[in-house]
Amino acid sequence: MRRRAGDDPVARAIPVLAGVPPEGQLEYIQWVRTLPEGGYVANMPEILGRQDLTQAEMARLGRERLDQLADYLRSRGVRVRELPEGFTAVRLAEPPAAPPAVPEEAPGPEASSR
């Protein structure tokens, strides 16, 4: 039987985890905790909806809440494989230094038919 979000403190904080077994919840929390720049807050409506917080404050509060939820699951005996040291869920790509040069005057289709 699937648990409802109202019965599950983890799913109340992170609704996408409603009905997910505790092991899956802990794996998700570990993974999402590695997202850069507070990206994990997007799945935490109670924090995301706070208009009184800066992005940095939301990120800090989100990290704290994720840590609390992970501690809660571990205190209930949930165990999963830990992520490797330095694991990052997403690596942001650096944009290219400059776009490739485009010729000033490219010949049109009529030039090739001559």
Protein backbone atom coordinates (compact mmCIF):
# COMPACT_ATOMS: atom_id res chain seq x y z
CA MET A 1 0.00 0.00 0.00
CA ARG A 2 1.36 3.43 -0.98
CA ARG A 3 1.68 6.02 1.74
CA ARG A 4 -0.02 9.36 1.29
CA ALA A 5 1.94 12.59 1.62
CA GLY A 6 -0.07 13.53 4.73
CA ASP A 7 1.21 10.41 6.51
CA ASP A 8 4.80 10.91 5.43
CA PRO A 9 6.93 13.85 6.64
CA VAL A 10 9.38 13.40 3.76
CA ALA A 11 6.60 13.55 1.15
CA ARG A 12 5.06 16.58 2.86
CA ALA A 13 8.36 18.44 2.44
CA ILE A 14 9.10 17.03 -1.05
CA PRO A 15 5.78 16.11 -2.72
CA VAL A 16 7.40 14.26 -5.64
CA LEU A 17 8.43 11.61 -3.09
CA ALA A 18 4.84 10.72 -2.13
CA GLY A 19 4.45 6.97 -2.39
CA VAL A 20 8.19 6.37 -2.85
CA PRO A 21 9.64 3.76 -0.46
CA PRO A 22 11.92 5.19 2.27
CA GLU A 23 15.06 3.80 0.58
CA GLY A 24 14.16 5.63 -2.63
CA GLN A 25 13.46 8.80 -0.67
CA LEU A 26 16.88 8.69 0.99
CA GLU A 27 18.62 7.99 -2.32
CA TYR A 28 16.79 10.96 -3.88
CA ILE A 29 17.71 13.24 -0.96
CA GLN A 30 21.38 12.25 -1.19
CA TRP A 31 21.41 12.83 -4.95
CA VAL A 32 19.45 16.10 -5.00
CA ARG A 33 21.58 17.48 -2.15
CA THR A 34 24.51 17.61 -4.61
CA LEU A 35 22.74 19.92 -7.10
CA PRO A 36 24.54 23.24 -7.42
CA GLU A 37 23.25 26.62 -6.31
CA GLY A 38 20.24 25.40 -4.37
CA GLY A 39 18.62 23.65 -7.34
CA TYR A 40 17.05 21.21 -4.90
CA VAL A 41 14.71 23.90 -3.57
CA ALA A 42 12.56 23.61 -6.73
CA ASN A 43 10.98 20.44 -5.27
CA MET A 44 10.37 21.95 -1.84
CA PRO A 45 7.23 24.14 -2.11
CA GLU A 46 7.24 25.17 1.56
CA ILE A 47 10.61 26.87 0.98
CA LEU A 48 10.19 27.93 -2.65
CA GLY A 49 7.03 29.84 -1.80
CA ARG A 50 8.75 31.99 0.83
CA GLN A 51 8.83 35.53 -0.54
CA ASP A 52 10.72 36.79 2.50
CA LEU A 53 13.89 34.83 1.71
CA THR A 54 16.74 35.54 -0.67
CA GLN A 55 17.93 32.76 -2.98
CA ALA A 56 20.93 32.17 -0.73
CA GLU A 57 18.66 31.89 2.32
CA MET A 58 16.35 29.46 0.47
CA ALA A 59 19.37 27.35 -0.53
CA ARG A 60 20.64 27.28 3.07
CA LEU A 61 17.22 26.42 4.45
CA GLY A 62 16.77 23.75 1.77
CA ARG A 63 20.10 22.12 2.62
CA GLU A 64 19.19 22.11 6.31
CA ARG A 65 15.77 20.60 5.58
CA LEU A 66 17.26 17.90 3.34
CA ASP A 67 19.76 17.03 6.06
CA GLN A 68 16.94 16.82 8.63
CA LEU A 69 14.91 14.54 6.36
CA ALA A 70 17.91 12.29 5.70
CA ASP A 71 18.61 12.09 9.45
CA TYR A 72 14.93 11.26 10.07
CA LEU A 73 15.02 8.39 7.55
CA ARG A 74 18.31 7.06 8.94
CA SER A 75 16.91 7.21 12.48
CA ARG A 76 14.11 4.92 11.28
CA GLY A 77 16.67 2.36 10.09
CA VAL A 78 16.71 3.29 6.40
CA ARG A 79 20.08 2.54 4.83
CA VAL A 80 21.29 3.10 1.29
CA ARG A 81 24.66 3.16 -0.40
CA GLU A 82 26.43 6.48 0.18
CA LEU A 83 27.42 8.57 -2.82
CA PRO A 84 31.14 8.70 -3.62
CA GLU A 85 33.16 11.58 -2.16
CA GLY A 86 32.91 14.61 -4.40
CA PHE A 87 29.90 13.28 -6.36
CA THR A 88 27.95 15.99 -8.17
CA ALA A 89 24.54 15.31 -9.69
CA VAL A 90 25.02 17.93 -12.38
CA ARG A 91 28.10 19.57 -13.76
CA LEU A 92 27.41 22.89 -15.37
CA ALA A 93 29.05 23.21 -18.77
CA GLU A 94 31.11 26.27 -19.55
CA PRO A 95 29.82 28.15 -22.58
CA PRO A 96 32.21 28.40 -25.53
CA ALA A 97 34.52 31.40 -25.44
CA ALA A 98 33.08 32.87 -28.64
CA PRO A 99 30.68 31.64 -31.31
CA PRO A 100 32.24 30.51 -34.59
CA ALA A 101 32.85 33.32 -37.06
CA VAL A 102 30.31 33.75 -39.86
CA PRO A 103 31.63 35.07 -43.19
CA GLU A 104 30.57 38.65 -43.92
CA GLU A 105 29.06 37.81 -47.31
CA ALA A 106 28.16 34.21 -47.87
CA PRO A 107 27.41 33.38 -51.50
CA GLY A 108 23.71 32.78 -52.14
CA PRO A 109 22.22 29.83 -54.00
CA GLU A 110 22.37 31.71 -57.30
CA ALA A 111 26.19 31.80 -57.10
CA SER A 112 26.41 28.00 -57.28
CA SER A 113 24.28 27.78 -60.44
CA ARG A 114 26.73 29.87 -62.52
